[in-house]
Amino acid sequence: MTITIPSEHAFKREFLEAPELERMAQTIIRQHAELAFLLDWDIRCLWKREGSGKEAMGRCRVLTGELAYFADADWLIWVAADIARDSLFGDHELEALLFHELLHCELKGKGGQEKPATRGHDFEAFAIEVERYGAWDVSLRRAHTAFRQLELGLAVPEAPGPGAPVASALRTAGRRGPRERTWGAGSETTVTLKADGRSVTLRPGDFDGLVDRLTGEIRAAGAVPESQQCGLMHTGDDAPCTRDAFACDLPEVAP
């Protein structure tokens, strides 16, 4: 799928129909378990002539009342065409932006009374705040884990459901070769790093060290700086976890 971003002259009003974005959004929903609930709901996508303010690139909003009636949808997502053009967005960037906006969708209520709603981001911070104080709260520690996996070139697969087949996610990490992570129901998680003609396969028990992302070697690690610690509470813990935020793959205890 190759999406053509509309030019300024294509707009007669502020918004423009975007069936190609809607098709991409439906593909994303089918590919990600976290979004599977949206298959039973309706989402409209539009191009917006110009982005502005904090909602520069896109926005997801709940539709109610007359808007929901005329749009025949539960959520509306728009993408700023001017930002997408100026930033030279391709399908990859548009897919990432739509995935981001779709993650804002959630349902509130119980017992068959769920209603469309939106949720905020997992974390919000200033760059200088992180530079000077590190990952000082739980939300930033979670973000730290995600960014560490990104640095290593690991594509994190979705948690499979019962009986799901083993899934394999492969991401090319520049000229240094691919990193592969496999995750299957009833099997242990392993990570295979390949670089400079060498490779190493890591299992949960191997994560007591740090991964050198350039060579794929494991080096002994001393005390983990507080800003890089996991900081979550796990089963059996009586204090926040002091393991490295990337190395720790233990589940968080539900509040």
C-alpha atoms as a PDB file:
ATOM      1  CA  MET A   1       0.000   0.000   0.000  1.00  0.00           C
ATOM      2  CA  THR A   2       1.380   3.377  -1.026  1.00  0.00           C
ATOM      3  CA  ILE A   3      -0.578   6.371   0.247  1.00  0.00           C
ATOM      4  CA  THR A   4      -0.524   9.667  -1.605  1.00  0.00           C
ATOM      5  CA  ILE A   5      -0.735  12.644   0.730  1.00  0.00           C
ATOM      6  CA  PRO A   6      -3.162  15.238  -0.711  1.00  0.00           C
ATOM      7  CA  SER A   7      -1.813  18.594  -1.833  1.00  0.00           C
ATOM      8  CA  GLU A   8      -3.020  21.937  -0.519  1.00  0.00           C
ATOM      9  CA  HIS A   9      -5.143  22.395  -3.668  1.00  0.00           C
ATOM     10  CA  ALA A  10      -7.049  19.159  -2.995  1.00  0.00           C
ATOM     11  CA  PHE A  11      -8.814  20.756  -0.021  1.00  0.00           C
ATOM     12  CA  LYS A  12     -12.049  22.671  -0.538  1.00  0.00           C
ATOM     13  CA  ARG A  13     -12.686  22.725   3.216  1.00  0.00           C
ATOM     14  CA  GLU A  14     -10.644  22.060   6.327  1.00  0.00           C
ATOM     15  CA  PHE A  15     -11.049  18.276   6.086  1.00  0.00           C
ATOM     16  CA  LEU A  16     -10.875  15.736   3.282  1.00  0.00           C
ATOM     17  CA  GLU A  17     -12.092  12.124   3.079  1.00  0.00           C
ATOM     18  CA  ALA A  18      -9.284   9.594   3.576  1.00  0.00           C
ATOM     19  CA  PRO A  19     -10.452   6.079   2.646  1.00  0.00           C
ATOM     20  CA  GLU A  20      -6.825   4.991   2.206  1.00  0.00           C
ATOM     21  CA  LEU A  21      -6.075   5.925   5.831  1.00  0.00           C
ATOM     22  CA  GLU A  22      -9.174   4.024   6.960  1.00  0.00           C
ATOM     23  CA  ARG A  23      -7.974   0.911   5.131  1.00  0.00           C
ATOM     24  CA  MET A  24      -4.552   1.251   6.738  1.00  0.00           C
ATOM     25  CA  ALA A  25      -6.156   1.726  10.154  1.00  0.00           C
ATOM     26  CA  GLN A  26      -8.203  -1.468   9.725  1.00  0.00           C
ATOM     27  CA  THR A  27      -5.074  -3.379   8.763  1.00  0.00           C
ATOM     28  CA  ILE A  28      -3.293  -2.078  11.865  1.00  0.00           C
ATOM     29  CA  ILE A  29      -6.223  -3.085  14.078  1.00  0.00           C
ATOM     30  CA  ARG A  30      -6.172  -6.633  12.712  1.00  0.00           C
ATOM     31  CA  GLN A  31      -2.409  -6.913  13.248  1.00  0.00           C
ATOM     32  CA  HIS A  32      -2.255  -5.823  16.900  1.00  0.00           C
ATOM     33  CA  ALA A  33      -3.946  -7.704  19.724  1.00  0.00           C
ATOM     34  CA  GLU A  34      -4.192  -4.540  21.829  1.00  0.00           C
ATOM     35  CA  LEU A  35      -6.530  -3.056  19.242  1.00  0.00           C
ATOM     36  CA  ALA A  36      -8.662  -6.125  18.492  1.00  0.00           C
ATOM     37  CA  PHE A  37     -11.661  -4.710  20.404  1.00  0.00           C
ATOM     38  CA  LEU A  38     -11.952  -1.980  17.765  1.00  0.00           C
ATOM     39  CA  LEU A  39     -13.085  -4.528  15.182  1.00  0.00           C
ATOM     40  CA  ASP A  40     -16.579  -4.227  16.672  1.00  0.00           C
ATOM     41  CA  TRP A  41     -16.613  -0.429  16.459  1.00  0.00           C
ATOM     42  CA  ASP A  42     -16.460   2.170  13.695  1.00  0.00           C
ATOM     43  CA  ILE A  43     -13.583   4.560  13.078  1.00  0.00           C
ATOM     44  CA  ARG A  44     -13.429   7.342  10.486  1.00  0.00           C
ATOM     45  CA  CYS A  45     -10.191   8.846   9.232  1.00  0.00           C
ATOM     46  CA  LEU A  46      -9.794  12.235   7.584  1.00  0.00           C
ATOM     47  CA  TRP A  47      -7.025  14.388   6.217  1.00  0.00           C
ATOM     48  CA  LYS A  48      -6.801  17.833   7.812  1.00  0.00           C
ATOM     49  CA  ARG A  49      -5.518  20.741   5.768  1.00  0.00           C
ATOM     50  CA  GLU A  50      -3.171  22.012   8.493  1.00  0.00           C
ATOM     51  CA  GLY A  51      -2.025  20.812  11.897  1.00  0.00           C
ATOM     52  CA  SER A  52      -1.538  23.278  14.729  1.00  0.00           C
ATOM     53  CA  GLY A  53      -0.492  23.505  18.353  1.00  0.00           C
ATOM     54  CA  LYS A  54       0.011  20.335  20.391  1.00  0.00           C
ATOM     55  CA  GLU A  55      -2.149  18.402  17.914  1.00  0.00           C
ATOM     56  CA  ALA A  56       0.273  19.073  15.095  1.00  0.00           C
ATOM     57  CA  MET A  57       0.311  15.697  13.336  1.00  0.00           C
ATOM     58  CA  GLY A  58      -2.973  14.072  14.273  1.00  0.00           C
ATOM     59  CA  ARG A  59      -5.737  13.576  16.785  1.00  0.00           C
ATOM     60  CA  CYS A  60      -8.186  10.925  17.933  1.00  0.00           C
ATOM     61  CA  ARG A  61     -11.527  12.009  19.371  1.00  0.00           C
ATOM     62  CA  VAL A  62     -14.746  10.326  20.467  1.00  0.00           C
ATOM     63  CA  LEU A  63     -17.845  11.135  18.435  1.00  0.00           C
ATOM     64  CA  THR A  64     -21.170  11.548  20.214  1.00  0.00           C
ATOM     65  CA  GLY A  65     -24.588  12.940  19.457  1.00  0.00           C
ATOM     66  CA  GLU A  66     -25.056  14.514  16.053  1.00  0.00           C
ATOM     67  CA  LEU A  67     -21.417  14.030  15.085  1.00  0.00           C
ATOM     68  CA  ALA A  68     -21.612  10.287  15.689  1.00  0.00           C
ATOM     69  CA  TYR A  69     -24.868  10.137  13.737  1.00  0.00           C
ATOM     70  CA  PHE A  70     -23.669  11.992  10.650  1.00  0.00           C
ATOM     71  CA  ALA A  71     -20.212  10.407  10.640  1.00  0.00           C
ATOM     72  CA  ASP A  72     -21.685   6.956  11.377  1.00  0.00           C
ATOM     73  CA  ALA A  73     -18.636   6.307  13.549  1.00  0.00           C
ATOM     74  CA  ASP A  74     -17.536   6.066  17.172  1.00  0.00           C
ATOM     75  CA  TRP A  75     -14.094   7.659  16.846  1.00  0.00           C
ATOM     76  CA  LEU A  76     -12.590  10.129  14.407  1.00  0.00           C
ATOM     77  CA  ILE A  77      -8.885  10.270  13.600  1.00  0.00           C
ATOM     78  CA  TRP A  78      -7.446  13.035  11.490  1.00  0.00           C
ATOM     79  CA  VAL A  79      -3.942  13.393  10.063  1.00  0.00           C
ATOM     80  CA  ALA A  80      -2.440  16.782   9.191  1.00  0.00           C
ATOM     81  CA  ALA A  81      -1.634  16.690   5.482  1.00  0.00           C
ATOM     82  CA  ASP A  82       0.733  19.677   5.607  1.00  0.00           C
ATOM     83  CA  ILE A  83       2.884  18.132   8.345  1.00  0.00           C
ATOM     84  CA  ALA A  84       2.909  14.770   6.568  1.00  0.00           C
ATOM     85  CA  ARG A  85       4.012  16.416   3.301  1.00  0.00           C
ATOM     86  CA  ASP A  86       6.642  18.678   4.856  1.00  0.00           C
ATOM     87  CA  SER A  87       8.048  15.778   6.905  1.00  0.00           C
ATOM     88  CA  LEU A  88       8.171  13.552   3.808  1.00  0.00           C
ATOM     89  CA  PHE A  89       6.022  10.892   5.467  1.00  0.00           C
ATOM     90  CA  GLY A  90       5.890   7.527   3.768  1.00  0.00           C
ATOM     91  CA  ASP A  91       3.655   4.581   4.582  1.00  0.00           C
ATOM     92  CA  HIS A  92       5.841   3.619   7.567  1.00  0.00           C
ATOM     93  CA  GLU A  93       5.441   7.004   9.251  1.00  0.00           C
ATOM     94  CA  LEU A  94       1.726   7.183   8.480  1.00  0.00           C
ATOM     95  CA  GLU A  95       1.237   3.687   9.898  1.00  0.00           C
ATOM     96  CA  ALA A  96       3.136   4.634  13.069  1.00  0.00           C
ATOM     97  CA  LEU A  97       1.035   7.791  13.476  1.00  0.00           C
ATOM     98  CA  LEU A  98      -2.233   5.902  12.974  1.00  0.00           C
ATOM     99  CA  PHE A  99      -1.128   3.228  15.438  1.00  0.00           C
ATOM    100  CA  HIS A 100      -0.373   5.998  17.956  1.00  0.00           C
ATOM    101  CA  GLU A 101      -3.813   7.558  17.489  1.00  0.00           C
ATOM    102  CA  LEU A 102      -5.580   4.196  17.643  1.00  0.00           C
ATOM    103  CA  LEU A 103      -3.934   3.533  21.005  1.00  0.00           C
ATOM    104  CA  HIS A 104      -5.892   6.502  22.355  1.00  0.00           C
ATOM    105  CA  CYS A 105      -9.126   4.540  21.803  1.00  0.00           C
ATOM    106  CA  GLU A 106     -10.535   2.698  24.790  1.00  0.00           C
ATOM    107  CA  LEU A 107     -13.847   1.523  26.216  1.00  0.00           C
ATOM    108  CA  LYS A 108     -15.227   2.550  29.592  1.00  0.00           C
ATOM    109  CA  GLY A 109     -17.978   0.771  31.474  1.00  0.00           C
ATOM    110  CA  LYS A 110     -18.836  -2.839  32.329  1.00  0.00           C
ATOM    111  CA  GLY A 111     -21.501  -5.454  31.806  1.00  0.00           C
ATOM    112  CA  GLY A 112     -22.269  -4.714  28.189  1.00  0.00           C
ATOM    113  CA  GLN A 113     -22.475  -0.967  28.879  1.00  0.00           C
ATOM    114  CA  GLU A 114     -19.081  -0.079  27.402  1.00  0.00           C
ATOM    115  CA  LYS A 115     -18.843   3.280  25.723  1.00  0.00           C
ATOM    116  CA  PRO A 116     -16.128   4.738  23.473  1.00  0.00           C
ATOM    117  CA  ALA A 117     -13.587   6.913  25.258  1.00  0.00           C
ATOM    118  CA  THR A 118     -10.013   8.101  24.840  1.00  0.00           C
ATOM    119  CA  ARG A 119      -6.992   7.643  27.060  1.00  0.00           C
ATOM    120  CA  GLY A 120      -3.844   9.683  27.534  1.00  0.00           C
ATOM    121  CA  HIS A 121      -0.242   8.751  26.821  1.00  0.00           C
ATOM    122  CA  ASP A 122       1.694   6.250  28.904  1.00  0.00           C
ATOM    123  CA  PHE A 123       4.230   8.928  29.776  1.00  0.00           C
ATOM    124  CA  GLU A 124       4.822  12.634  29.282  1.00  0.00           C
ATOM    125  CA  ALA A 125       8.104  14.405  29.931  1.00  0.00           C
ATOM    126  CA  PHE A 126      10.517  17.115  28.810  1.00  0.00           C
ATOM    127  CA  ALA A 127      13.752  16.019  27.158  1.00  0.00           C
ATOM    128  CA  ILE A 128      15.842  18.150  29.528  1.00  0.00           C
ATOM    129  CA  GLU A 129      13.997  16.601  32.508  1.00  0.00           C
ATOM    130  CA  VAL A 130      15.112  13.121  31.454  1.00  0.00           C
ATOM    131  CA  GLU A 131      18.627  14.302  30.599  1.00  0.00           C
ATOM    132  CA  ARG A 132      19.165  15.732  34.086  1.00  0.00           C
ATOM    133  CA  TYR A 133      17.157  13.379  36.310  1.00  0.00           C
ATOM    134  CA  GLY A 134      16.884  10.173  34.299  1.00  0.00           C
ATOM    135  CA  ALA A 135      13.894   7.823  34.401  1.00  0.00           C
ATOM    136  CA  TRP A 136      12.790   9.014  37.816  1.00  0.00           C
ATOM    137  CA  ASP A 137       9.190   7.690  37.856  1.00  0.00           C
ATOM    138  CA  VAL A 138       7.434   4.470  36.887  1.00  0.00           C
ATOM    139  CA  SER A 139       6.063   5.747  33.566  1.00  0.00           C
ATOM    140  CA  LEU A 140       9.504   6.927  32.475  1.00  0.00           C
ATOM    141  CA  ARG A 141      11.057   3.615  33.520  1.00  0.00           C
ATOM    142  CA  ARG A 142       8.587   1.808  31.278  1.00  0.00           C
ATOM    143  CA  ALA A 143       9.484   4.173  28.459  1.00  0.00           C
ATOM    144  CA  HIS A 144      13.170   3.559  29.190  1.00  0.00           C
ATOM    145  CA  THR A 145      12.638  -0.176  28.700  1.00  0.00           C
ATOM    146  CA  ALA A 146      10.899   0.406  25.371  1.00  0.00           C
ATOM    147  CA  PHE A 147      13.638   2.725  24.121  1.00  0.00           C
ATOM    148  CA  ARG A 148      16.367   0.292  25.182  1.00  0.00           C
ATOM    149  CA  GLN A 149      14.688  -2.405  23.115  1.00  0.00           C
ATOM    150  CA  LEU A 150      14.509   0.013  20.202  1.00  0.00           C
ATOM    151  CA  GLU A 151      18.248   0.754  20.515  1.00  0.00           C
ATOM    152  CA  LEU A 152      18.942  -2.977  20.344  1.00  0.00           C
ATOM    153  CA  GLY A 153      16.803  -3.326  17.253  1.00  0.00           C
ATOM    154  CA  LEU A 154      14.336  -5.665  18.959  1.00  0.00           C
ATOM    155  CA  ALA A 155      10.812  -5.796  17.579  1.00  0.00           C
ATOM    156  CA  VAL A 156       8.642  -6.579  20.596  1.00  0.00           C
ATOM    157  CA  PRO A 157       5.895  -9.072  19.633  1.00  0.00           C
ATOM    158  CA  GLU A 158       2.404  -9.018  21.016  1.00  0.00           C
ATOM    159  CA  ALA A 159       1.650 -11.301  23.945  1.00  0.00           C
ATOM    160  CA  PRO A 160       0.004 -14.370  22.394  1.00  0.00           C
ATOM    161  CA  GLY A 161      -3.262 -15.769  23.629  1.00  0.00           C
ATOM    162  CA  PRO A 162      -3.803 -19.338  24.796  1.00  0.00           C
ATOM    163  CA  GLY A 163      -2.872 -21.847  22.143  1.00  0.00           C
ATOM    164  CA  ALA A 164      -1.446 -19.202  19.846  1.00  0.00           C
ATOM    165  CA  PRO A 165       1.365 -20.307  17.537  1.00  0.00           C
ATOM    166  CA  VAL A 166       4.918 -19.161  18.102  1.00  0.00           C
ATOM    167  CA  ALA A 167       5.431 -15.770  16.485  1.00  0.00           C
ATOM    168  CA  SER A 168       8.734 -14.395  15.237  1.00  0.00           C
ATOM    169  CA  ALA A 169       9.479 -10.682  14.830  1.00  0.00           C
ATOM    170  CA  LEU A 170      12.495  -9.574  12.781  1.00  0.00           C
ATOM    171  CA  ARG A 171      13.895  -6.063  12.560  1.00  0.00           C
ATOM    172  CA  THR A 172      16.874  -4.987  10.494  1.00  0.00           C
ATOM    173  CA  ALA A 173      19.315  -2.934  12.544  1.00  0.00           C
ATOM    174  CA  GLY A 174      21.249  -0.911   9.992  1.00  0.00           C
ATOM    175  CA  ARG A 175      24.461  -2.468   8.691  1.00  0.00           C
ATOM    176  CA  ARG A 176      25.095  -4.508  11.805  1.00  0.00           C
ATOM    177  CA  GLY A 177      22.614  -7.224  10.972  1.00  0.00           C
ATOM    178  CA  PRO A 178      19.232  -8.359  12.300  1.00  0.00           C
ATOM    179  CA  ARG A 179      18.095  -9.001  15.838  1.00  0.00           C
ATOM    180  CA  GLU A 180      15.397 -11.600  16.310  1.00  0.00           C
ATOM    181  CA  ARG A 181      13.061 -12.178  19.236  1.00  0.00           C
ATOM    182  CA  THR A 182      10.654 -15.098  19.445  1.00  0.00           C
ATOM    183  CA  TRP A 183       7.686 -15.425  21.742  1.00  0.00           C
ATOM    184  CA  GLY A 184       5.266 -18.337  21.820  1.00  0.00           C
ATOM    185  CA  ALA A 185       2.511 -19.555  24.074  1.00  0.00           C
ATOM    186  CA  GLY A 186       3.893 -21.929  26.681  1.00  0.00           C
ATOM    187  CA  SER A 187       7.493 -21.347  25.641  1.00  0.00           C
ATOM    188  CA  GLU A 188      10.217 -19.215  27.122  1.00  0.00           C
ATOM    189  CA  THR A 189      11.187 -15.911  25.576  1.00  0.00           C
ATOM    190  CA  THR A 190      14.534 -15.862  23.799  1.00  0.00           C
ATOM    191  CA  VAL A 191      16.468 -13.099  22.062  1.00  0.00           C
ATOM    192  CA  THR A 192      19.035 -13.740  19.354  1.00  0.00           C
ATOM    193  CA  LEU A 193      21.483 -10.921  18.590  1.00  0.00           C
ATOM    194  CA  LYS A 194      23.596 -11.024  15.460  1.00  0.00           C
ATOM    195  CA  ALA A 195      26.385  -8.550  14.714  1.00  0.00           C
ATOM    196  CA  ASP A 196      29.757  -8.504  12.968  1.00  0.00           C
ATOM    197  CA  GLY A 197      29.474 -12.149  12.007  1.00  0.00           C
ATOM    198  CA  ARG A 198      28.768 -13.334  15.549  1.00  0.00           C
ATOM    199  CA  SER A 199      25.560 -14.177  17.376  1.00  0.00           C
ATOM    200  CA  VAL A 200      24.337 -14.961  20.867  1.00  0.00           C
ATOM    201  CA  THR A 201      20.989 -16.340  22.032  1.00  0.00           C
ATOM    202  CA  LEU A 202      19.739 -15.031  25.374  1.00  0.00           C
ATOM    203  CA  ARG A 203      17.208 -16.646  27.688  1.00  0.00           C
ATOM    204  CA  PRO A 204      15.559 -15.199  30.807  1.00  0.00           C
ATOM    205  CA  GLY A 205      18.361 -16.452  33.036  1.00  0.00           C
ATOM    206  CA  ASP A 206      20.997 -14.743  30.910  1.00  0.00           C
ATOM    207  CA  PHE A 207      19.785 -11.216  31.581  1.00  0.00           C
ATOM    208  CA  ASP A 208      21.908 -10.705  34.698  1.00  0.00           C
ATOM    209  CA  GLY A 209      24.376  -8.905  32.414  1.00  0.00           C
ATOM    210  CA  LEU A 210      24.014  -6.031  29.991  1.00  0.00           C
ATOM    211  CA  VAL A 211      23.821  -6.518  26.240  1.00  0.00           C
ATOM    212  CA  ASP A 212      26.454  -4.772  24.178  1.00  0.00           C
ATOM    213  CA  ARG A 213      24.280  -3.799  21.228  1.00  0.00           C
ATOM    214  CA  LEU A 214      27.224  -3.274  18.877  1.00  0.00           C
ATOM    215  CA  THR A 215      28.902  -6.679  19.184  1.00  0.00           C
ATOM    216  CA  GLY A 216      26.205  -8.913  20.611  1.00  0.00           C
ATOM    217  CA  GLU A 217      28.457  -9.811  23.532  1.00  0.00           C
ATOM    218  CA  ILE A 218      27.441  -9.916  27.196  1.00  0.00           C
ATOM    219  CA  ARG A 219      29.538  -7.945  29.631  1.00  0.00           C
ATOM    220  CA  ALA A 220      29.512  -8.244  33.379  1.00  0.00           C
ATOM    221  CA  ALA A 221      27.454  -5.546  35.056  1.00  0.00           C
ATOM    222  CA  GLY A 222      27.896  -3.921  38.397  1.00  0.00           C
ATOM    223  CA  ALA A 223      25.234  -2.017  40.300  1.00  0.00           C
ATOM    224  CA  VAL A 224      22.612  -0.551  37.974  1.00  0.00           C
ATOM    225  CA  PRO A 225      22.271   3.260  38.275  1.00  0.00           C
ATOM    226  CA  GLU A 226      18.970   4.192  39.882  1.00  0.00           C
ATOM    227  CA  SER A 227      17.833   6.079  36.782  1.00  0.00           C
ATOM    228  CA  GLN A 228      18.181   2.855  34.740  1.00  0.00           C
ATOM    229  CA  GLN A 229      16.515   0.508  37.236  1.00  0.00           C
ATOM    230  CA  CYS A 230      13.196  -1.209  36.518  1.00  0.00           C
ATOM    231  CA  GLY A 231      11.478   0.288  39.564  1.00  0.00           C
ATOM    232  CA  LEU A 232       8.355  -1.887  39.305  1.00  0.00           C
ATOM    233  CA  MET A 233       6.953  -4.228  41.965  1.00  0.00           C
ATOM    234  CA  HIS A 234       7.032  -7.925  41.041  1.00  0.00           C
ATOM    235  CA  THR A 235       5.542 -10.968  42.747  1.00  0.00           C
ATOM    236  CA  GLY A 236       7.515 -11.725  45.904  1.00  0.00           C
ATOM    237  CA  ASP A 237       9.222  -8.320  45.968  1.00  0.00           C
ATOM    238  CA  ASP A 238       8.933  -6.108  49.023  1.00  0.00           C
ATOM    239  CA  ALA A 239      10.679  -3.181  47.350  1.00  0.00           C
ATOM    240  CA  PRO A 240      10.898  -1.697  43.828  1.00  0.00           C
ATOM    241  CA  CYS A 241      12.944  -3.815  41.414  1.00  0.00           C
ATOM    242  CA  THR A 242      16.604  -2.768  41.067  1.00  0.00           C
ATOM    243  CA  ARG A 243      17.296  -4.832  37.959  1.00  0.00           C
ATOM    244  CA  ASP A 244      18.225  -3.122  34.721  1.00  0.00           C
ATOM    245  CA  ALA A 245      15.052  -1.774  33.083  1.00  0.00           C
ATOM    246  CA  PHE A 246      15.806  -3.559  29.796  1.00  0.00           C
ATOM    247  CA  ALA A 247      17.035  -6.813  31.283  1.00  0.00           C
ATOM    248  CA  CYS A 248      14.075  -7.236  33.644  1.00  0.00           C
ATOM    249  CA  ASP A 249      11.214  -9.047  31.935  1.00  0.00           C
ATOM    250  CA  LEU A 250       9.256  -9.971  35.061  1.00  0.00           C
ATOM    251  CA  PRO A 251       5.545  -9.040  35.043  1.00  0.00           C
ATOM    252  CA  GLU A 252       4.374  -6.101  37.108  1.00  0.00           C
ATOM    253  CA  VAL A 253       2.141  -6.877  40.061  1.00  0.00           C
ATOM    254  CA  ALA A 254      -1.382  -5.590  39.377  1.00  0.00           C
ATOM    255  CA  PRO A 255      -2.263  -2.665  41.685  1.00  0.00           C
END
